[in-house]
Amino acid sequence: MALVRAANGHAAYLAIVAEGVPDPQIIALLLDCVPGIDRDDWQPEPSSVAGMNPGPGEVIWSTLFPSEVANAILDLDD
């Protein structure tokens, strides 16, 4: 599951949530495929990025979006 949160004047972030026992190579490939995001920008949750707490059996990685990516997402809502 992917979760995107963005609001005018606030940071935007993307969280990737996996349940069960995800294959680390698949997760690495997925995170590496997000355009505009460097692999070193991803943080495991809980962290200060998104402040999400994984539930039982969940693994969550999150990252802040560059402003140009966040603005493109916000423009989709207009």
PDB file of N, CA and C in Angstrom:
ATOM      1  N   MET A   1       0.845  -1.156   0.000  1.00  0.00           N
ATOM      2  CA  MET A   1       0.000   0.000   0.000  1.00  0.00           C
ATOM      3  C   MET A   1       0.900   1.231   0.000  1.00  0.00           C
ATOM      4  N   ALA A   2       0.478   2.244  -0.738  1.00  0.00           N
ATOM      5  CA  ALA A   2       1.182   3.519  -0.759  1.00  0.00           C
ATOM      6  C   ALA A   2       0.249   4.594  -0.222  1.00  0.00           C
ATOM      7  N   LEU A   3       0.771   5.460   0.619  1.00  0.00           N
ATOM      8  CA  LEU A   3       0.005   6.549   1.212  1.00  0.00           C
ATOM      9  C   LEU A   3       0.724   7.849   0.908  1.00  0.00           C
ATOM     10  N   VAL A   4       0.006   8.811   0.326  1.00  0.00           N
ATOM     11  CA  VAL A   4       0.568  10.121   0.027  1.00  0.00           C
ATOM     12  C   VAL A   4      -0.202  11.152   0.829  1.00  0.00           C
ATOM     13  N   ARG A   5       0.516  12.017   1.501  1.00  0.00           N
ATOM     14  CA  ARG A   5      -0.117  13.125   2.219  1.00  0.00           C
ATOM     15  C   ARG A   5       0.553  14.407   1.790  1.00  0.00           C
ATOM     16  N   ALA A   6      -0.256  15.370   1.384  1.00  0.00           N
ATOM     17  CA  ALA A   6       0.265  16.668   0.959  1.00  0.00           C
ATOM     18  C   ALA A   6      -0.792  17.725   1.250  1.00  0.00           C
ATOM     19  N   ALA A   7      -0.344  18.906   1.677  1.00  0.00           N
ATOM     20  CA  ALA A   7      -1.252  20.022   1.922  1.00  0.00           C
ATOM     21  C   ALA A   7      -0.503  21.315   1.631  1.00  0.00           C
ATOM     22  N   ASN A   8      -1.209  22.311   1.162  1.00  0.00           N
ATOM     23  CA  ASN A   8      -0.576  23.600   0.880  1.00  0.00           C
ATOM     24  C   ASN A   8       0.121  24.133   2.117  1.00  0.00           C
ATOM     25  N   GLY A   9       1.374  24.527   1.949  1.00  0.00           N
ATOM     26  CA  GLY A   9       2.136  25.097   3.041  1.00  0.00           C
ATOM     27  C   GLY A   9       2.726  24.087   4.014  1.00  0.00           C
ATOM     28  N   HIS A  10       2.551  22.810   3.756  1.00  0.00           N
ATOM     29  CA  HIS A  10       3.081  21.780   4.646  1.00  0.00           C
ATOM     30  C   HIS A  10       3.910  20.783   3.836  1.00  0.00           C
ATOM     31  N   ALA A  11       4.755  20.051   4.554  1.00  0.00           N
ATOM     32  CA  ALA A  11       5.558  19.030   3.895  1.00  0.00           C
ATOM     33  C   ALA A  11       4.660  17.928   3.342  1.00  0.00           C
ATOM     34  N   ALA A  12       5.084  17.347   2.251  1.00  0.00           N
ATOM     35  CA  ALA A  12       4.370  16.215   1.653  1.00  0.00           C
ATOM     36  C   ALA A  12       5.249  14.985   1.813  1.00  0.00           C
ATOM     37  N   TYR A  13       4.602  13.853   2.027  1.00  0.00           N
ATOM     38  CA  TYR A  13       5.389  12.636   2.142  1.00  0.00           C
ATOM     39  C   TYR A  13       4.678  11.460   1.514  1.00  0.00           C
ATOM     40  N   LEU A  14       5.486  10.451   1.218  1.00  0.00           N
ATOM     41  CA  LEU A  14       5.011   9.182   0.680  1.00  0.00           C
ATOM     42  C   LEU A  14       5.414   8.096   1.656  1.00  0.00           C
ATOM     43  N   ALA A  15       4.475   7.222   1.984  1.00  0.00           N
ATOM     44  CA  ALA A  15       4.775   6.068   2.835  1.00  0.00           C
ATOM     45  C   ALA A  15       4.415   4.802   2.069  1.00  0.00           C
ATOM     46  N   ILE A  16       5.292   3.836   2.110  1.00  0.00           N
ATOM     47  CA  ILE A  16       5.062   2.519   1.521  1.00  0.00           C
ATOM     48  C   ILE A  16       4.887   1.543   2.677  1.00  0.00           C
ATOM     49  N   VAL A  17       3.747   0.864   2.714  1.00  0.00           N
ATOM     50  CA  VAL A  17       3.419  -0.045   3.809  1.00  0.00           C
ATOM     51  C   VAL A  17       3.374  -1.474   3.264  1.00  0.00           C
ATOM     52  N   ALA A  18       4.101  -2.361   3.903  1.00  0.00           N
ATOM     53  CA  ALA A  18       4.088  -3.780   3.534  1.00  0.00           C
ATOM     54  C   ALA A  18       3.654  -4.581   4.756  1.00  0.00           C
ATOM     55  N   GLU A  19       2.868  -5.616   4.509  1.00  0.00           N
ATOM     56  CA  GLU A  19       2.410  -6.483   5.596  1.00  0.00           C
ATOM     57  C   GLU A  19       3.032  -7.866   5.444  1.00  0.00           C
ATOM     58  N   GLY A  20       3.134  -8.570   6.553  1.00  0.00           N
ATOM     59  CA  GLY A  20       3.716  -9.903   6.516  1.00  0.00           C
ATOM     60  C   GLY A  20       5.229  -9.816   6.577  1.00  0.00           C
ATOM     61  N   VAL A  21       5.881 -10.702   5.870  1.00  0.00           N
ATOM     62  CA  VAL A  21       7.341 -10.722   5.828  1.00  0.00           C
ATOM     63  C   VAL A  21       7.761 -10.372   4.396  1.00  0.00           C
ATOM     64  N   PRO A  22       7.933  -9.066   4.109  1.00  0.00           N
ATOM     65  CA  PRO A  22       8.267  -8.665   2.742  1.00  0.00           C
ATOM     66  C   PRO A  22       9.700  -9.053   2.370  1.00  0.00           C
ATOM     67  N   ASP A  23       9.874  -9.367   1.113  1.00  0.00           N
ATOM     68  CA  ASP A  23      11.196  -9.671   0.578  1.00  0.00           C
ATOM     69  C   ASP A  23      11.989  -8.355   0.524  1.00  0.00           C
ATOM     70  N   PRO A  24      13.123  -8.261   1.235  1.00  0.00           N
ATOM     71  CA  PRO A  24      13.888  -7.012   1.267  1.00  0.00           C
ATOM     72  C   PRO A  24      14.321  -6.540  -0.120  1.00  0.00           C
ATOM     73  N   GLN A  25      14.582  -7.464  -1.034  1.00  0.00           N
ATOM     74  CA  GLN A  25      14.996  -7.073  -2.384  1.00  0.00           C
ATOM     75  C   GLN A  25      13.840  -6.422  -3.150  1.00  0.00           C
ATOM     76  N   ILE A  26      12.626  -6.916  -2.944  1.00  0.00           N
ATOM     77  CA  ILE A  26      11.458  -6.329  -3.607  1.00  0.00           C
ATOM     78  C   ILE A  26      11.196  -4.938  -3.046  1.00  0.00           C
ATOM     79  N   ILE A  27      11.277  -4.794  -1.720  1.00  0.00           N
ATOM     80  CA  ILE A  27      11.083  -3.474  -1.100  1.00  0.00           C
ATOM     81  C   ILE A  27      12.142  -2.496  -1.611  1.00  0.00           C
ATOM     82  N   ALA A  28      13.402  -2.915  -1.671  1.00  0.00           N
ATOM     83  CA  ALA A  28      14.475  -2.049  -2.166  1.00  0.00           C
ATOM     84  C   ALA A  28      14.217  -1.632  -3.605  1.00  0.00           C
ATOM     85  N   LEU A  29      13.773  -2.565  -4.436  1.00  0.00           N
ATOM     86  CA  LEU A  29      13.471  -2.258  -5.834  1.00  0.00           C
ATOM     87  C   LEU A  29      12.312  -1.266  -5.927  1.00  0.00           C
ATOM     88  N   LEU A  30      11.276  -1.480  -5.153  1.00  0.00           N
ATOM     89  CA  LEU A  30      10.118  -0.589  -5.148  1.00  0.00           C
ATOM     90  C   LEU A  30      10.511   0.822  -4.735  1.00  0.00           C
ATOM     91  N   LEU A  31      11.264   0.943  -3.647  1.00  0.00           N
ATOM     92  CA  LEU A  31      11.663   2.265  -3.170  1.00  0.00           C
ATOM     93  C   LEU A  31      12.576   2.961  -4.166  1.00  0.00           C
ATOM     94  N   ASP A  32      13.409   2.197  -4.849  1.00  0.00           N
ATOM     95  CA  ASP A  32      14.344   2.768  -5.827  1.00  0.00           C
ATOM     96  C   ASP A  32      13.637   3.239  -7.096  1.00  0.00           C
ATOM     97  N   CYS A  33      12.418   2.784  -7.334  1.00  0.00           N
ATOM     98  CA  CYS A  33      11.682   3.131  -8.550  1.00  0.00           C
ATOM     99  C   CYS A  33      10.884   4.430  -8.439  1.00  0.00           C
ATOM    100  N   VAL A  34      10.824   5.028  -7.262  1.00  0.00           N
ATOM    101  CA  VAL A  34      10.045   6.260  -7.105  1.00  0.00           C
ATOM    102  C   VAL A  34      10.852   7.422  -7.671  1.00  0.00           C
ATOM    103  N   PRO A  35      10.340   8.074  -8.741  1.00  0.00           N
ATOM    104  CA  PRO A  35      11.101   9.154  -9.372  1.00  0.00           C
ATOM    105  C   PRO A  35      11.274  10.350  -8.441  1.00  0.00           C
ATOM    106  N   GLY A  36      12.463  10.942  -8.500  1.00  0.00           N
ATOM    107  CA  GLY A  36      12.740  12.147  -7.728  1.00  0.00           C
ATOM    108  C   GLY A  36      13.130  11.893  -6.282  1.00  0.00           C
ATOM    109  N   ILE A  37      13.179  10.617  -5.871  1.00  0.00           N
ATOM    110  CA  ILE A  37      13.523  10.283  -4.492  1.00  0.00           C
ATOM    111  C   ILE A  37      14.794   9.438  -4.481  1.00  0.00           C
ATOM    112  N   ASP A  38      15.811   9.902  -3.773  1.00  0.00           N
ATOM    113  CA  ASP A  38      17.060   9.163  -3.647  1.00  0.00           C
ATOM    114  C   ASP A  38      16.876   8.044  -2.632  1.00  0.00           C
ATOM    115  N   ARG A  39      17.552   6.943  -2.855  1.00  0.00           N
ATOM    116  CA  ARG A  39      17.392   5.807  -1.937  1.00  0.00           C
ATOM    117  C   ARG A  39      17.761   6.156  -0.500  1.00  0.00           C
ATOM    118  N   ASP A  40      18.664   7.122  -0.298  1.00  0.00           N
ATOM    119  CA  ASP A  40      19.060   7.517   1.053  1.00  0.00           C
ATOM    120  C   ASP A  40      18.022   8.409   1.740  1.00  0.00           C
ATOM    121  N   ASP A  41      17.000   8.843   1.005  1.00  0.00           N
ATOM    122  CA  ASP A  41      15.958   9.701   1.574  1.00  0.00           C
ATOM    123  C   ASP A  41      14.864   8.913   2.296  1.00  0.00           C
ATOM    124  N   TRP A  42      14.819   7.596   2.119  1.00  0.00           N
ATOM    125  CA  TRP A  42      13.798   6.764   2.763  1.00  0.00           C
ATOM    126  C   TRP A  42      14.167   6.503   4.218  1.00  0.00           C
ATOM    127  N   GLN A  43      13.172   6.550   5.102  1.00  0.00           N
ATOM    128  CA  GLN A  43      13.372   6.299   6.525  1.00  0.00           C
ATOM    129  C   GLN A  43      12.385   5.237   6.997  1.00  0.00           C
ATOM    130  N   PRO A  44      12.828   4.304   7.844  1.00  0.00           N
ATOM    131  CA  PRO A  44      11.872   3.345   8.409  1.00  0.00           C
ATOM    132  C   PRO A  44      11.016   4.047   9.460  1.00  0.00           C
ATOM    133  N   GLU A  45       9.784   3.643   9.563  1.00  0.00           N
ATOM    134  CA  GLU A  45       8.882   4.192  10.580  1.00  0.00           C
ATOM    135  C   GLU A  45       8.872   3.274  11.793  1.00  0.00           C
ATOM    136  N   PRO A  46       8.686   3.811  12.987  1.00  0.00           N
ATOM    137  CA  PRO A  46       8.387   5.209  13.258  1.00  0.00           C
ATOM    138  C   PRO A  46       9.630   6.086  13.119  1.00  0.00           C
ATOM    139  N   SER A  47       9.431   7.293  12.607  1.00  0.00           N
ATOM    140  CA  SER A  47      10.500   8.281  12.470  1.00  0.00           C
ATOM    141  C   SER A  47       9.874   9.660  12.573  1.00  0.00           C
ATOM    142  N   SER A  48      10.710  10.670  12.485  1.00  0.00           N
ATOM    143  CA  SER A  48      10.199  12.042  12.536  1.00  0.00           C
ATOM    144  C   SER A  48       9.621  12.484  11.199  1.00  0.00           C
ATOM    145  N   VAL A  49       9.800  11.684  10.139  1.00  0.00           N
ATOM    146  CA  VAL A  49       9.313  12.063   8.816  1.00  0.00           C
ATOM    147  C   VAL A  49       7.790  12.059   8.786  1.00  0.00           C
ATOM    148  N   ALA A  50       7.186  10.926   9.036  1.00  0.00           N
ATOM    149  CA  ALA A  50       5.734  10.819   8.941  1.00  0.00           C
ATOM    150  C   ALA A  50       5.072  10.546  10.282  1.00  0.00           C
ATOM    151  N   GLY A  51       5.835  10.110  11.258  1.00  0.00           N
ATOM    152  CA  GLY A  51       5.284   9.843  12.575  1.00  0.00           C
ATOM    153  C   GLY A  51       4.265   8.717  12.600  1.00  0.00           C
ATOM    154  N   MET A  52       4.420   7.757  11.704  1.00  0.00           N
ATOM    155  CA  MET A  52       3.502   6.620  11.646  1.00  0.00           C
ATOM    156  C   MET A  52       4.030   5.497  12.533  1.00  0.00           C
ATOM    157  N   ASN A  53       3.129   4.766  13.135  1.00  0.00           N
ATOM    158  CA  ASN A  53       3.513   3.610  13.946  1.00  0.00           C
ATOM    159  C   ASN A  53       3.033   2.346  13.253  1.00  0.00           C
ATOM    160  N   PRO A  54       3.959   1.505  12.810  1.00  0.00           N
ATOM    161  CA  PRO A  54       3.554   0.259  12.158  1.00  0.00           C
ATOM    162  C   PRO A  54       2.709  -0.608  13.085  1.00  0.00           C
ATOM    163  N   GLY A  55       1.700  -1.235  12.509  1.00  0.00           N
ATOM    164  CA  GLY A  55       0.894  -2.191  13.249  1.00  0.00           C
ATOM    165  C   GLY A  55       1.586  -3.533  13.264  1.00  0.00           C
ATOM    166  N   PRO A  56       1.003  -4.501  13.945  1.00  0.00           N
ATOM    167  CA  PRO A  56       1.592  -5.842  13.969  1.00  0.00           C
ATOM    168  C   PRO A  56       1.761  -6.390  12.544  1.00  0.00           C
ATOM    169  N   GLY A  57       2.972  -6.826  12.221  1.00  0.00           N
ATOM    170  CA  GLY A  57       3.247  -7.409  10.915  1.00  0.00           C
ATOM    171  C   GLY A  57       3.455  -6.400   9.808  1.00  0.00           C
ATOM    172  N   GLU A  58       3.516  -5.099  10.121  1.00  0.00           N
ATOM    173  CA  GLU A  58       3.716  -4.074   9.095  1.00  0.00           C
ATOM    174  C   GLU A  58       5.146  -3.558   9.098  1.00  0.00           C
ATOM    175  N   VAL A  59       5.622  -3.222   7.909  1.00  0.00           N
ATOM    176  CA  VAL A  59       6.889  -2.524   7.724  1.00  0.00           C
ATOM    177  C   VAL A  59       6.552  -1.278   6.923  1.00  0.00           C
ATOM    178  N   ILE A  60       6.964  -0.117   7.413  1.00  0.00           N
ATOM    179  CA  ILE A  60       6.651   1.143   6.731  1.00  0.00           C
ATOM    180  C   ILE A  60       7.948   1.905   6.469  1.00  0.00           C
ATOM    181  N   TRP A  61       8.095   2.363   5.227  1.00  0.00           N
ATOM    182  CA  TRP A  61       9.179   3.256   4.829  1.00  0.00           C
ATOM    183  C   TRP A  61       8.531   4.543   4.363  1.00  0.00           C
ATOM    184  N   SER A  62       9.097   5.701   4.733  1.00  0.00           N
ATOM    185  CA  SER A  62       8.519   6.973   4.311  1.00  0.00           C
ATOM    186  C   SER A  62       9.619   7.926   3.865  1.00  0.00           C
ATOM    187  N   THR A  63       9.202   8.947   3.106  1.00  0.00           N
ATOM    188  CA  THR A  63      10.122   9.961   2.620  1.00  0.00           C
ATOM    189  C   THR A  63       9.369  11.252   2.383  1.00  0.00           C
ATOM    190  N   LEU A  64      10.064  12.358   2.468  1.00  0.00           N
ATOM    191  CA  LEU A  64       9.496  13.646   2.100  1.00  0.00           C
ATOM    192  C   LEU A  64       9.611  13.807   0.591  1.00  0.00           C
ATOM    193  N   PHE A  65       8.600  14.431  -0.001  1.00  0.00           N
ATOM    194  CA  PHE A  65       8.636  14.709  -1.435  1.00  0.00           C
ATOM    195  C   PHE A  65       9.367  16.012  -1.706  1.00  0.00           C
ATOM    196  N   PRO A  66      10.134  16.086  -2.800  1.00  0.00           N
ATOM    197  CA  PRO A  66      10.630  17.388  -3.242  1.00  0.00           C
ATOM    198  C   PRO A  66       9.436  18.292  -3.560  1.00  0.00           C
ATOM    199  N   SER A  67       9.595  19.590  -3.419  1.00  0.00           N
ATOM    200  CA  SER A  67       8.473  20.516  -3.590  1.00  0.00           C
ATOM    201  C   SER A  67       7.832  20.404  -4.971  1.00  0.00           C
ATOM    202  N   GLU A  68       8.619  20.151  -6.015  1.00  0.00           N
ATOM    203  CA  GLU A  68       8.028  20.057  -7.360  1.00  0.00           C
ATOM    204  C   GLU A  68       7.124  18.829  -7.494  1.00  0.00           C
ATOM    205  N   VAL A  69       7.475  17.740  -6.826  1.00  0.00           N
ATOM    206  CA  VAL A  69       6.633  16.544  -6.843  1.00  0.00           C
ATOM    207  C   VAL A  69       5.370  16.798  -6.025  1.00  0.00           C
ATOM    208  N   ALA A  70       5.521  17.412  -4.854  1.00  0.00           N
ATOM    209  CA  ALA A  70       4.363  17.718  -4.006  1.00  0.00           C
ATOM    210  C   ALA A  70       3.405  18.664  -4.720  1.00  0.00           C
ATOM    211  N   ASN A  71       3.927  19.681  -5.391  1.00  0.00           N
ATOM    212  CA  ASN A  71       3.066  20.629  -6.117  1.00  0.00           C
ATOM    213  C   ASN A  71       2.307  19.936  -7.238  1.00  0.00           C
ATOM    214  N   ALA A  72       2.940  19.006  -7.919  1.00  0.00           N
ATOM    215  CA  ALA A  72       2.253  18.269  -8.998  1.00  0.00           C
ATOM    216  C   ALA A  72       1.109  17.457  -8.429  1.00  0.00           C
ATOM    217  N   ILE A  73       1.309  16.862  -7.260  1.00  0.00           N
ATOM    218  CA  ILE A  73       0.232  16.089  -6.617  1.00  0.00           C
ATOM    219  C   ILE A  73      -0.908  17.001  -6.211  1.00  0.00           C
ATOM    220  N   LEU A  74      -0.572  18.148  -5.617  1.00  0.00           N
ATOM    221  CA  LEU A  74      -1.623  19.086  -5.207  1.00  0.00           C
ATOM    222  C   LEU A  74      -2.386  19.624  -6.402  1.00  0.00           C
ATOM    223  N   ASP A  75      -1.731  19.814  -7.538  1.00  0.00           N
ATOM    224  CA  ASP A  75      -2.392  20.313  -8.734  1.00  0.00           C
ATOM    225  C   ASP A  75      -3.415  19.301  -9.269  1.00  0.00           C
ATOM    226  N   LEU A  76      -3.233  18.012  -8.993  1.00  0.00           N
ATOM    227  CA  LEU A  76      -4.171  16.994  -9.433  1.00  0.00           C
ATOM    228  C   LEU A  76      -5.528  17.155  -8.747  1.00  0.00           C
ATOM    229  N   ASP A  77      -5.526  17.743  -7.551  1.00  0.00           N
ATOM    230  CA  ASP A  77      -6.758  17.893  -6.780  1.00  0.00           C
ATOM    231  C   ASP A  77      -7.619  19.052  -7.283  1.00  0.00           C
ATOM    232  N   ASP A  78      -7.019  19.986  -8.005  1.00  0.00           N
ATOM    233  CA  ASP A  78      -7.774  21.140  -8.522  1.00  0.00           C
ATOM    234  C   ASP A  78      -8.690  20.665  -9.598  1.00  0.00           C
TER     235      ASP A  78
END
